[in-house]
Each structure stands twice: as C-alpha cells, then as structure tokens.
C-alpha cells in the first residue's frame, strides 16, 4: 500500500513501512509542507501496530540536504518572528517520533545528508549509506547552531571531540569515514542499497518487536543514569519482555531445538 503526499511517500509492505522524502529536484530540502507531511507520516507508522519496522530514505540523488534555505530566507524577510517556529513545530516532533518509535527504524541514506537531514538519520536506530554519500552538519556555515538533536546524537554516535570538530568547522565527511567512526552499520554500492535495505528491514520486521522497543528505551535512558538506575530499569524492562508471547515461544523453541518465529506479541 502506498500513500502519496505531495512531498512525502509512505509505502507499507509485509510489516515494513518505507517513508520517502520526495523532492528529488531540490535534494529533498525541507519545506514547511514536506515537514508537515513527515510529522504526519512518522506519527502514522509509529502508531500502526501492523508495522514492525520502518525505513526512512530519500528519492533521487540525495537523502536530505536539510532546510530549504530559499523558503527560510523568505520567512526571515517577511515573518522574522516565525522563522524558527519550525524547530518546535516540525523538527522536534520528527526526531522524537523516530527516536522513540516502539519498533526499529532504519535510515537508508541514498546520497547527500546534511543539517536536519543528518539529525533525522541519527534519530534512526541503524543507518546504511551508499559509498558515495557525503555528510555535513552545515549549521554553523549559515550562522546557526545545531537542531534536530544533532548536538546529542552526533556526539553519542562518534564521540564528543569529533562531533565538536564537525560542528564548529563544518567539515564534510564521507560514508567511509562515518562507518569507521561507528555512525553507519553498513556502506554499500549505490546499486546494492535497495536490496540491502529490504533485507535488513525485513529481518527487523520479523524480530521480537516488543523486545526491540524495550531495548531502544533502555539505551536512550542509559545516558546520564547511574549504574543502579540502569540496572533497575533493565530489571523492569526484562520482566515486561519476559511476559511476551515472543519470549515464551522462543524459549520453547530453543529447548525443542526448533527455529523460532516471532510475531511481535
């Protein structure tokens, strides 16, 4: 099933929802309309219990180059008091929705990834990129600071020292570098991206969805927590995961030396 918005497409097949940014002629630069559609798409697939894995990608040669600066410049000229309302109205809900979604989210990075686009990719749980993808924080190059969670997510992904360098100097980096730094799960040739994404998303969609959700929450909550807080939180989460049908079935299958099929329940 495919829903066609003006600038965002949502396709659902076999428990995998693919959200595609659809302004290929502008590098999927983020207009107000695209951001509104993306907020709605993220909320929709996040609440759909039939969806067990989500892919975020872009149409054309870029994943997402960030904010549409032509639109931003017009807003600065005509409605300067509203120019940064989009951070709270759009960027924050998108990032929060991706990061807290109770199912795994995969960024399939098909090309250039910068600014808020980088923030969206980092809000996903796993990232695959084509070998010729290029990345950039971009914010300070136009006199701005980070948004879309980049100040936290980039530092967590690659370390604070390197994140500071990339933000303050605005230096671009390659997919190979991103993989070496631990930001990417995999780098593939452009012609292999679709197949690799489909295989990994399918694997995630066939996994223990509730256990994945608990793991996401635990990892996110671990930052800034004490050891005792982490251990307590893990104990509570393990009890919830242990009460699922997936756990009972998997344990039974293991004792019987049989393969396990997860249902997400």
C-alpha atoms as a PDB file:
ATOM      1  CA  UNK A   1       0.000   0.000   0.000  1.00  0.00           C
ATOM      2  CA  UNK A   2       1.337   3.433  -0.944  1.00  0.00           C
ATOM      3  CA  UNK A   3       0.098   6.809   0.272  1.00  0.00           C
ATOM      4  CA  UNK A   4       1.215   9.669  -1.930  1.00  0.00           C
ATOM      5  CA  UNK A   5       1.501  13.044  -0.286  1.00  0.00           C
ATOM      6  CA  UNK A   6       2.912  15.962  -2.168  1.00  0.00           C
ATOM      7  CA  UNK A   7       6.428  15.690  -0.785  1.00  0.00           C
ATOM      8  CA  UNK A   8       6.455  12.516   1.349  1.00  0.00           C
ATOM      9  CA  UNK A   9       5.528   8.987   0.240  1.00  0.00           C
ATOM     10  CA  UNK A  10       4.574   6.157   2.606  1.00  0.00           C
ATOM     11  CA  UNK A  11       4.648   2.581   1.348  1.00  0.00           C
ATOM     12  CA  UNK A  12       3.741  -0.379   3.574  1.00  0.00           C
ATOM     13  CA  UNK A  13       4.586  -3.934   2.559  1.00  0.00           C
ATOM     14  CA  UNK A  14       4.944  -7.054   4.693  1.00  0.00           C
ATOM     15  CA  UNK A  15       5.119  -5.190   8.028  1.00  0.00           C
ATOM     16  CA  UNK A  16       7.742  -2.713   6.732  1.00  0.00           C
ATOM     17  CA  UNK A  17       6.798   0.943   6.247  1.00  0.00           C
ATOM     18  CA  UNK A  18       9.042   2.972   3.954  1.00  0.00           C
ATOM     19  CA  UNK A  19       8.896   6.755   4.308  1.00  0.00           C
ATOM     20  CA  UNK A  20      10.416   8.505   1.294  1.00  0.00           C
ATOM     21  CA  UNK A  21      11.250  12.211   1.132  1.00  0.00           C
ATOM     22  CA  UNK A  22      10.111  13.232  -2.316  1.00  0.00           C
ATOM     23  CA  UNK A  23      11.672  16.477  -3.562  1.00  0.00           C
ATOM     24  CA  UNK A  24      14.456  14.938  -5.665  1.00  0.00           C
ATOM     25  CA  UNK A  25      14.948  18.055  -7.768  1.00  0.00           C
ATOM     26  CA  UNK A  26      15.932  20.013  -4.618  1.00  0.00           C
ATOM     27  CA  UNK A  27      17.878  17.336  -2.774  1.00  0.00           C
ATOM     28  CA  UNK A  28      14.804  16.684  -0.594  1.00  0.00           C
ATOM     29  CA  UNK A  29      15.335  20.062   1.058  1.00  0.00           C
ATOM     30  CA  UNK A  30      12.860  20.583   3.859  1.00  0.00           C
ATOM     31  CA  UNK A  31       9.969  22.886   3.060  1.00  0.00           C
ATOM     32  CA  UNK A  32       7.191  23.556   5.534  1.00  0.00           C
ATOM     33  CA  UNK A  33       4.887  21.281   3.546  1.00  0.00           C
ATOM     34  CA  UNK A  34       7.401  18.431   3.491  1.00  0.00           C
ATOM     35  CA  UNK A  35       7.977  18.748   7.228  1.00  0.00           C
ATOM     36  CA  UNK A  36       4.243  18.725   7.949  1.00  0.00           C
ATOM     37  CA  UNK A  37       3.793  15.626   5.849  1.00  0.00           C
ATOM     38  CA  UNK A  38       6.796  13.977   7.509  1.00  0.00           C
ATOM     39  CA  UNK A  39       5.466  14.672  11.011  1.00  0.00           C
ATOM     40  CA  UNK A  40       2.175  13.021  10.000  1.00  0.00           C
ATOM     41  CA  UNK A  41       3.922  10.056   8.357  1.00  0.00           C
ATOM     42  CA  UNK A  42       6.149   9.364  11.352  1.00  0.00           C
ATOM     43  CA  UNK A  43       3.181   9.512  13.713  1.00  0.00           C
ATOM     44  CA  UNK A  44       1.100   7.266  11.488  1.00  0.00           C
ATOM     45  CA  UNK A  45       3.601   4.440  11.071  1.00  0.00           C
ATOM     46  CA  UNK A  46       4.688   4.738  14.682  1.00  0.00           C
ATOM     47  CA  UNK A  47       1.157   4.039  15.921  1.00  0.00           C
ATOM     48  CA  UNK A  48       0.360   1.328  13.357  1.00  0.00           C
ATOM     49  CA  UNK A  49       0.763  -1.991  15.186  1.00  0.00           C
ATOM     50  CA  UNK A  50       0.856  -3.848  11.869  1.00  0.00           C
ATOM     51  CA  UNK A  51       4.118  -2.036  11.051  1.00  0.00           C
ATOM     52  CA  UNK A  52       7.082  -3.757  12.725  1.00  0.00           C
ATOM     53  CA  UNK A  53       9.969  -1.906  11.064  1.00  0.00           C
ATOM     54  CA  UNK A  54      10.360   1.471   9.380  1.00  0.00           C
ATOM     55  CA  UNK A  55      12.717   2.720   6.657  1.00  0.00           C
ATOM     56  CA  UNK A  56      13.459   6.415   6.108  1.00  0.00           C
ATOM     57  CA  UNK A  57      15.009   7.305   2.763  1.00  0.00           C
ATOM     58  CA  UNK A  58      15.080   9.931   0.019  1.00  0.00           C
ATOM     59  CA  UNK A  59      14.084   9.968  -3.629  1.00  0.00           C
ATOM     60  CA  UNK A  60      16.755  10.920  -6.155  1.00  0.00           C
ATOM     61  CA  UNK A  61      20.474  11.567  -5.627  1.00  0.00           C
ATOM     62  CA  UNK A  62      20.197  12.963  -2.068  1.00  0.00           C
ATOM     63  CA  UNK A  63      18.877  11.674   1.238  1.00  0.00           C
ATOM     64  CA  UNK A  64      18.156  15.150   2.615  1.00  0.00           C
ATOM     65  CA  UNK A  65      20.263  18.309   2.371  1.00  0.00           C
ATOM     66  CA  UNK A  66      18.466  19.970   5.302  1.00  0.00           C
ATOM     67  CA  UNK A  67      16.301  23.055   5.466  1.00  0.00           C
ATOM     68  CA  UNK A  68      15.150  24.645   2.209  1.00  0.00           C
ATOM     69  CA  UNK A  69      17.127  27.875   2.556  1.00  0.00           C
ATOM     70  CA  UNK A  70      15.162  29.702  -0.123  1.00  0.00           C
ATOM     71  CA  UNK A  71      11.975  29.265   1.880  1.00  0.00           C
ATOM     72  CA  UNK A  72      13.817  30.112   5.099  1.00  0.00           C
ATOM     73  CA  UNK A  73      15.230  33.325   3.610  1.00  0.00           C
ATOM     74  CA  UNK A  74      11.739  34.380   2.521  1.00  0.00           C
ATOM     75  CA  UNK A  75      10.385  33.745   6.012  1.00  0.00           C
ATOM     76  CA  UNK A  76      13.242  35.756   7.538  1.00  0.00           C
ATOM     77  CA  UNK A  77      12.368  38.646   5.217  1.00  0.00           C
ATOM     78  CA  UNK A  78       8.594  38.626   5.617  1.00  0.00           C
ATOM     79  CA  UNK A  79       7.912  36.988   9.020  1.00  0.00           C
ATOM     80  CA  UNK A  80      11.159  37.037  11.024  1.00  0.00           C
ATOM     81  CA  UNK A  81       9.396  36.323  14.316  1.00  0.00           C
ATOM     82  CA  UNK A  82       8.194  32.996  12.873  1.00  0.00           C
ATOM     83  CA  UNK A  83      11.393  31.918  11.169  1.00  0.00           C
ATOM     84  CA  UNK A  84      12.409  29.407  13.837  1.00  0.00           C
ATOM     85  CA  UNK A  85       8.988  28.165  14.926  1.00  0.00           C
ATOM     86  CA  UNK A  86       9.655  25.180  12.688  1.00  0.00           C
ATOM     87  CA  UNK A  87      12.150  23.760  15.183  1.00  0.00           C
ATOM     88  CA  UNK A  88       9.469  23.135  17.786  1.00  0.00           C
ATOM     89  CA  UNK A  89       6.626  22.573  15.334  1.00  0.00           C
ATOM     90  CA  UNK A  90       8.368  20.172  12.945  1.00  0.00           C
ATOM     91  CA  UNK A  91      11.972  19.182  13.605  1.00  0.00           C
ATOM     92  CA  UNK A  92      11.470  18.210  17.228  1.00  0.00           C
ATOM     93  CA  UNK A  93       8.368  16.024  16.652  1.00  0.00           C
ATOM     94  CA  UNK A  94      10.040  14.291  13.703  1.00  0.00           C
ATOM     95  CA  UNK A  95      13.199  13.451  15.630  1.00  0.00           C
ATOM     96  CA  UNK A  96      11.306  12.491  18.771  1.00  0.00           C
ATOM     97  CA  UNK A  97       8.957  10.279  16.767  1.00  0.00           C
ATOM     98  CA  UNK A  98      11.794   8.447  15.025  1.00  0.00           C
ATOM     99  CA  UNK A  99      13.907   8.024  18.145  1.00  0.00           C
ATOM    100  CA  UNK A 100      11.110   6.827  20.440  1.00  0.00           C
ATOM    101  CA  UNK A 101       9.127   4.751  17.949  1.00  0.00           C
ATOM    102  CA  UNK A 102       8.336   1.349  19.539  1.00  0.00           C
ATOM    103  CA  UNK A 103       9.863  -0.505  16.613  1.00  0.00           C
ATOM    104  CA  UNK A 104      13.236  -0.368  14.813  1.00  0.00           C
ATOM    105  CA  UNK A 105      13.876   2.435  12.329  1.00  0.00           C
ATOM    106  CA  UNK A 106      16.453   2.170   9.546  1.00  0.00           C
ATOM    107  CA  UNK A 107      17.874   5.148   7.658  1.00  0.00           C
ATOM    108  CA  UNK A 108      18.659   4.160   4.074  1.00  0.00           C
ATOM    109  CA  UNK A 109      20.971   7.004   3.070  1.00  0.00           C
ATOM    110  CA  UNK A 110      20.963   7.226  -0.711  1.00  0.00           C
ATOM    111  CA  UNK A 111      23.121  10.353  -1.065  1.00  0.00           C
ATOM    112  CA  UNK A 112      23.930  13.736   0.470  1.00  0.00           C
ATOM    113  CA  UNK A 113      22.909  14.047   4.110  1.00  0.00           C
ATOM    114  CA  UNK A 114      23.274  17.415   5.851  1.00  0.00           C
ATOM    115  CA  UNK A 115      21.844  19.632   8.569  1.00  0.00           C
ATOM    116  CA  UNK A 116      18.458  18.483   9.780  1.00  0.00           C
ATOM    117  CA  UNK A 117      18.733  15.580   7.334  1.00  0.00           C
ATOM    118  CA  UNK A 118      21.720  14.367   9.340  1.00  0.00           C
ATOM    119  CA  UNK A 119      19.646  14.797  12.504  1.00  0.00           C
ATOM    120  CA  UNK A 120      16.872  12.644  11.050  1.00  0.00           C
ATOM    121  CA  UNK A 121      19.346   9.913  10.075  1.00  0.00           C
ATOM    122  CA  UNK A 122      20.925   9.946  13.532  1.00  0.00           C
ATOM    123  CA  UNK A 123      17.484   9.646  15.151  1.00  0.00           C
ATOM    124  CA  UNK A 124      17.092   6.267  13.449  1.00  0.00           C
ATOM    125  CA  UNK A 125      18.365   3.112  15.113  1.00  0.00           C
ATOM    126  CA  UNK A 126      20.506   1.855  12.239  1.00  0.00           C
ATOM    127  CA  UNK A 127      21.987   3.546   9.196  1.00  0.00           C
ATOM    128  CA  UNK A 128      23.040   2.178   5.802  1.00  0.00           C
ATOM    129  CA  UNK A 129      24.641   4.525   3.260  1.00  0.00           C
ATOM    130  CA  UNK A 130      25.792   4.357  -0.318  1.00  0.00           C
ATOM    131  CA  UNK A 131      29.546   4.564  -0.770  1.00  0.00           C
ATOM    132  CA  UNK A 132      29.416   7.965  -2.472  1.00  0.00           C
ATOM    133  CA  UNK A 133      27.212   9.617   0.193  1.00  0.00           C
ATOM    134  CA  UNK A 134      28.555  12.813   1.719  1.00  0.00           C
ATOM    135  CA  UNK A 135      27.671  14.176   5.143  1.00  0.00           C
ATOM    136  CA  UNK A 136      27.839  17.616   6.723  1.00  0.00           C
ATOM    137  CA  UNK A 137      26.500  19.265   9.863  1.00  0.00           C
ATOM    138  CA  UNK A 138      26.078  22.571   7.934  1.00  0.00           C
ATOM    139  CA  UNK A 139      24.593  24.636  10.784  1.00  0.00           C
ATOM    140  CA  UNK A 140      27.469  26.948  11.666  1.00  0.00           C
ATOM    141  CA  UNK A 141      28.119  27.614   7.977  1.00  0.00           C
ATOM    142  CA  UNK A 142      24.987  29.763   7.943  1.00  0.00           C
ATOM    143  CA  UNK A 143      25.475  31.220  11.411  1.00  0.00           C
ATOM    144  CA  UNK A 144      23.272  28.775  13.291  1.00  0.00           C
ATOM    145  CA  UNK A 145      23.711  26.168  15.988  1.00  0.00           C
ATOM    146  CA  UNK A 146      22.514  22.562  15.969  1.00  0.00           C
ATOM    147  CA  UNK A 147      18.910  21.438  15.826  1.00  0.00           C
ATOM    148  CA  UNK A 148      17.150  18.127  15.167  1.00  0.00           C
ATOM    149  CA  UNK A 149      19.004  16.559  18.081  1.00  0.00           C
ATOM    150  CA  UNK A 150      22.404  16.704  16.396  1.00  0.00           C
ATOM    151  CA  UNK A 151      24.173  18.223  19.414  1.00  0.00           C
ATOM    152  CA  UNK A 152      23.444  14.990  21.312  1.00  0.00           C
ATOM    153  CA  UNK A 153      23.044  12.298  18.657  1.00  0.00           C
ATOM    154  CA  UNK A 154      26.225  13.083  16.723  1.00  0.00           C
ATOM    155  CA  UNK A 155      28.346  13.133  19.880  1.00  0.00           C
ATOM    156  CA  UNK A 156      26.849   9.829  21.002  1.00  0.00           C
ATOM    157  CA  UNK A 157      27.440   8.262  17.606  1.00  0.00           C
ATOM    158  CA  UNK A 158      31.055   9.316  17.032  1.00  0.00           C
ATOM    159  CA  UNK A 159      32.320  10.925  20.259  1.00  0.00           C
ATOM    160  CA  UNK A 160      32.172  14.494  21.512  1.00  0.00           C
ATOM    161  CA  UNK A 161      35.613  15.581  20.313  1.00  0.00           C
ATOM    162  CA  UNK A 162      34.994  14.609  16.695  1.00  0.00           C
ATOM    163  CA  UNK A 163      31.419  15.922  16.831  1.00  0.00           C
ATOM    164  CA  UNK A 164      32.706  19.306  18.033  1.00  0.00           C
ATOM    165  CA  UNK A 165      35.157  19.408  15.143  1.00  0.00           C
ATOM    166  CA  UNK A 166      32.474  18.606  12.575  1.00  0.00           C
ATOM    167  CA  UNK A 167      30.012  21.130  14.006  1.00  0.00           C
ATOM    168  CA  UNK A 168      32.411  24.012  14.643  1.00  0.00           C
ATOM    169  CA  UNK A 169      34.425  23.671  11.443  1.00  0.00           C
ATOM    170  CA  UNK A 170      31.581  22.414   9.290  1.00  0.00           C
ATOM    171  CA  UNK A 171      33.863  19.921   7.596  1.00  0.00           C
ATOM    172  CA  UNK A 172      32.215  17.417   5.236  1.00  0.00           C
ATOM    173  CA  UNK A 173      32.874  13.726   5.736  1.00  0.00           C
ATOM    174  CA  UNK A 174      32.451  10.603   3.649  1.00  0.00           C
ATOM    175  CA  UNK A 175      30.472   7.413   4.128  1.00  0.00           C
ATOM    176  CA  UNK A 176      33.732   5.537   4.664  1.00  0.00           C
ATOM    177  CA  UNK A 177      34.715   7.929   7.452  1.00  0.00           C
ATOM    178  CA  UNK A 178      31.261   7.720   9.015  1.00  0.00           C
ATOM    179  CA  UNK A 179      31.496   3.941   9.035  1.00  0.00           C
ATOM    180  CA  UNK A 180      34.999   3.986  10.534  1.00  0.00           C
ATOM    181  CA  UNK A 181      33.712   6.276  13.308  1.00  0.00           C
ATOM    182  CA  UNK A 182      30.819   3.919  14.077  1.00  0.00           C
ATOM    183  CA  UNK A 183      27.991   6.054  12.707  1.00  0.00           C
ATOM    184  CA  UNK A 184      26.960   3.630   9.965  1.00  0.00           C
ATOM    185  CA  UNK A 185      26.058  -0.037  10.195  1.00  0.00           C
ATOM    186  CA  UNK A 186      26.980  -0.647   6.577  1.00  0.00           C
ATOM    187  CA  UNK A 187      28.277   1.042   3.413  1.00  0.00           C
ATOM    188  CA  UNK A 188      27.169  -0.396   0.083  1.00  0.00           C
ATOM    189  CA  UNK A 189      27.487   0.336  -3.602  1.00  0.00           C
ATOM    190  CA  UNK A 190      24.615   2.527  -4.866  1.00  0.00           C
ATOM    191  CA  UNK A 191      23.145  -0.315  -6.892  1.00  0.00           C
ATOM    192  CA  UNK A 192      23.036  -2.515  -3.768  1.00  0.00           C
ATOM    193  CA  UNK A 193      21.232  -0.079  -1.457  1.00  0.00           C
ATOM    194  CA  UNK A 194      17.649  -1.119  -2.222  1.00  0.00           C
ATOM    195  CA  UNK A 195      18.354  -4.835  -1.861  1.00  0.00           C
ATOM    196  CA  UNK A 196      20.400  -4.397   1.317  1.00  0.00           C
ATOM    197  CA  UNK A 197      17.782  -2.131   2.868  1.00  0.00           C
ATOM    198  CA  UNK A 198      14.971  -4.529   2.045  1.00  0.00           C
ATOM    199  CA  UNK A 199      16.851  -7.475   3.542  1.00  0.00           C
ATOM    200  CA  UNK A 200      17.747  -5.694   6.792  1.00  0.00           C
ATOM    201  CA  UNK A 201      14.317  -4.092   7.215  1.00  0.00           C
ATOM    202  CA  UNK A 202      12.690  -7.469   6.597  1.00  0.00           C
ATOM    203  CA  UNK A 203      14.915  -9.081   9.209  1.00  0.00           C
ATOM    204  CA  UNK A 204      13.986  -6.420  11.753  1.00  0.00           C
ATOM    205  CA  UNK A 205      10.283  -6.741  10.931  1.00  0.00           C
ATOM    206  CA  UNK A 206      10.455 -10.477  11.680  1.00  0.00           C
ATOM    207  CA  UNK A 207      12.090  -9.935  15.070  1.00  0.00           C
ATOM    208  CA  UNK A 208      10.731  -9.572  18.625  1.00  0.00           C
ATOM    209  CA  UNK A 209       9.155  -6.134  18.219  1.00  0.00           C
ATOM    210  CA  UNK A 210       8.395  -5.533  21.884  1.00  0.00           C
ATOM    211  CA  UNK A 211      11.890  -6.560  22.929  1.00  0.00           C
ATOM    212  CA  UNK A 212      13.285  -4.147  20.327  1.00  0.00           C
ATOM    213  CA  UNK A 213      11.122  -1.368  21.789  1.00  0.00           C
ATOM    214  CA  UNK A 214      12.341  -2.099  25.317  1.00  0.00           C
ATOM    215  CA  UNK A 215      15.955  -2.127  24.128  1.00  0.00           C
ATOM    216  CA  UNK A 216      15.523   1.256  22.430  1.00  0.00           C
ATOM    217  CA  UNK A 217      14.105   2.764  25.600  1.00  0.00           C
ATOM    218  CA  UNK A 218      16.856   1.282  27.754  1.00  0.00           C
ATOM    219  CA  UNK A 219      19.670   2.544  25.530  1.00  0.00           C
ATOM    220  CA  UNK A 220      18.176   6.044  25.349  1.00  0.00           C
ATOM    221  CA  UNK A 221      17.598   6.210  29.099  1.00  0.00           C
ATOM    222  CA  UNK A 222      21.104   4.999  29.949  1.00  0.00           C
ATOM    223  CA  UNK A 223      22.655   8.358  29.099  1.00  0.00           C
ATOM    224  CA  UNK A 224      23.045  10.294  32.316  1.00  0.00           C
ATOM    225  CA  UNK A 225      21.773   7.456  34.506  1.00  0.00           C
ATOM    226  CA  UNK A 226      23.633   5.924  37.421  1.00  0.00           C
ATOM    227  CA  UNK A 227      24.523   2.240  37.372  1.00  0.00           C
ATOM    228  CA  UNK A 228      21.813   1.488  39.934  1.00  0.00           C
ATOM    229  CA  UNK A 229      19.213   3.349  37.879  1.00  0.00           C
ATOM    230  CA  UNK A 230      20.244   1.466  34.755  1.00  0.00           C
ATOM    231  CA  UNK A 231      20.116  -1.911  36.489  1.00  0.00           C
ATOM    232  CA  UNK A 232      16.704  -1.148  37.985  1.00  0.00           C
ATOM    233  CA  UNK A 233      15.343  -0.020  34.632  1.00  0.00           C
ATOM    234  CA  UNK A 234      16.710  -3.139  32.922  1.00  0.00           C
ATOM    235  CA  UNK A 235      15.101  -5.401  35.520  1.00  0.00           C
ATOM    236  CA  UNK A 236      11.693  -3.818  34.951  1.00  0.00           C
ATOM    237  CA  UNK A 237      12.070  -3.962  31.170  1.00  0.00           C
ATOM    238  CA  UNK A 238      13.221  -7.576  31.268  1.00  0.00           C
ATOM    239  CA  UNK A 239      10.123  -8.526  33.232  1.00  0.00           C
ATOM    240  CA  UNK A 240       7.913  -6.879  30.611  1.00  0.00           C
ATOM    241  CA  UNK A 241       9.775  -8.556  27.754  1.00  0.00           C
ATOM    242  CA  UNK A 242       9.651 -11.863  29.573  1.00  0.00           C
ATOM    243  CA  UNK A 243       5.864 -11.697  29.700  1.00  0.00           C
ATOM    244  CA  UNK A 244       5.553 -11.555  25.911  1.00  0.00           C
ATOM    245  CA  UNK A 245       4.397 -14.409  23.750  1.00  0.00           C
ATOM    246  CA  UNK A 246       7.545 -13.988  21.640  1.00  0.00           C
ATOM    247  CA  UNK A 247       9.767 -14.786  24.631  1.00  0.00           C
ATOM    248  CA  UNK A 248       7.737 -17.818  25.663  1.00  0.00           C
ATOM    249  CA  UNK A 249       7.663 -19.173  22.117  1.00  0.00           C
ATOM    250  CA  UNK A 250      11.380 -18.551  21.579  1.00  0.00           C
ATOM    251  CA  UNK A 251      12.294 -20.269  24.832  1.00  0.00           C
ATOM    252  CA  UNK A 252      10.136 -23.255  23.990  1.00  0.00           C
ATOM    253  CA  UNK A 253      11.620 -23.442  20.501  1.00  0.00           C
ATOM    254  CA  UNK A 254      15.141 -23.318  21.917  1.00  0.00           C
ATOM    255  CA  UNK A 255      14.507 -26.205  24.297  1.00  0.00           C
ATOM    256  CA  UNK A 256      12.986 -28.208  21.447  1.00  0.00           C
ATOM    257  CA  UNK A 257      15.875 -27.302  19.135  1.00  0.00           C
ATOM    258  CA  UNK A 258      13.443 -25.781  16.654  1.00  0.00           C
ATOM    259  CA  UNK A 259      13.577 -22.446  14.769  1.00  0.00           C
ATOM    260  CA  UNK A 260      11.675 -19.535  16.280  1.00  0.00           C
ATOM    261  CA  UNK A 261       9.089 -17.373  14.573  1.00  0.00           C
ATOM    262  CA  UNK A 262       8.431 -14.019  16.233  1.00  0.00           C
ATOM    263  CA  UNK A 263       5.031 -12.354  15.910  1.00  0.00           C
ATOM    264  CA  UNK A 264       5.757  -9.093  17.693  1.00  0.00           C
ATOM    265  CA  UNK A 265       3.380 -10.021  20.530  1.00  0.00           C
END
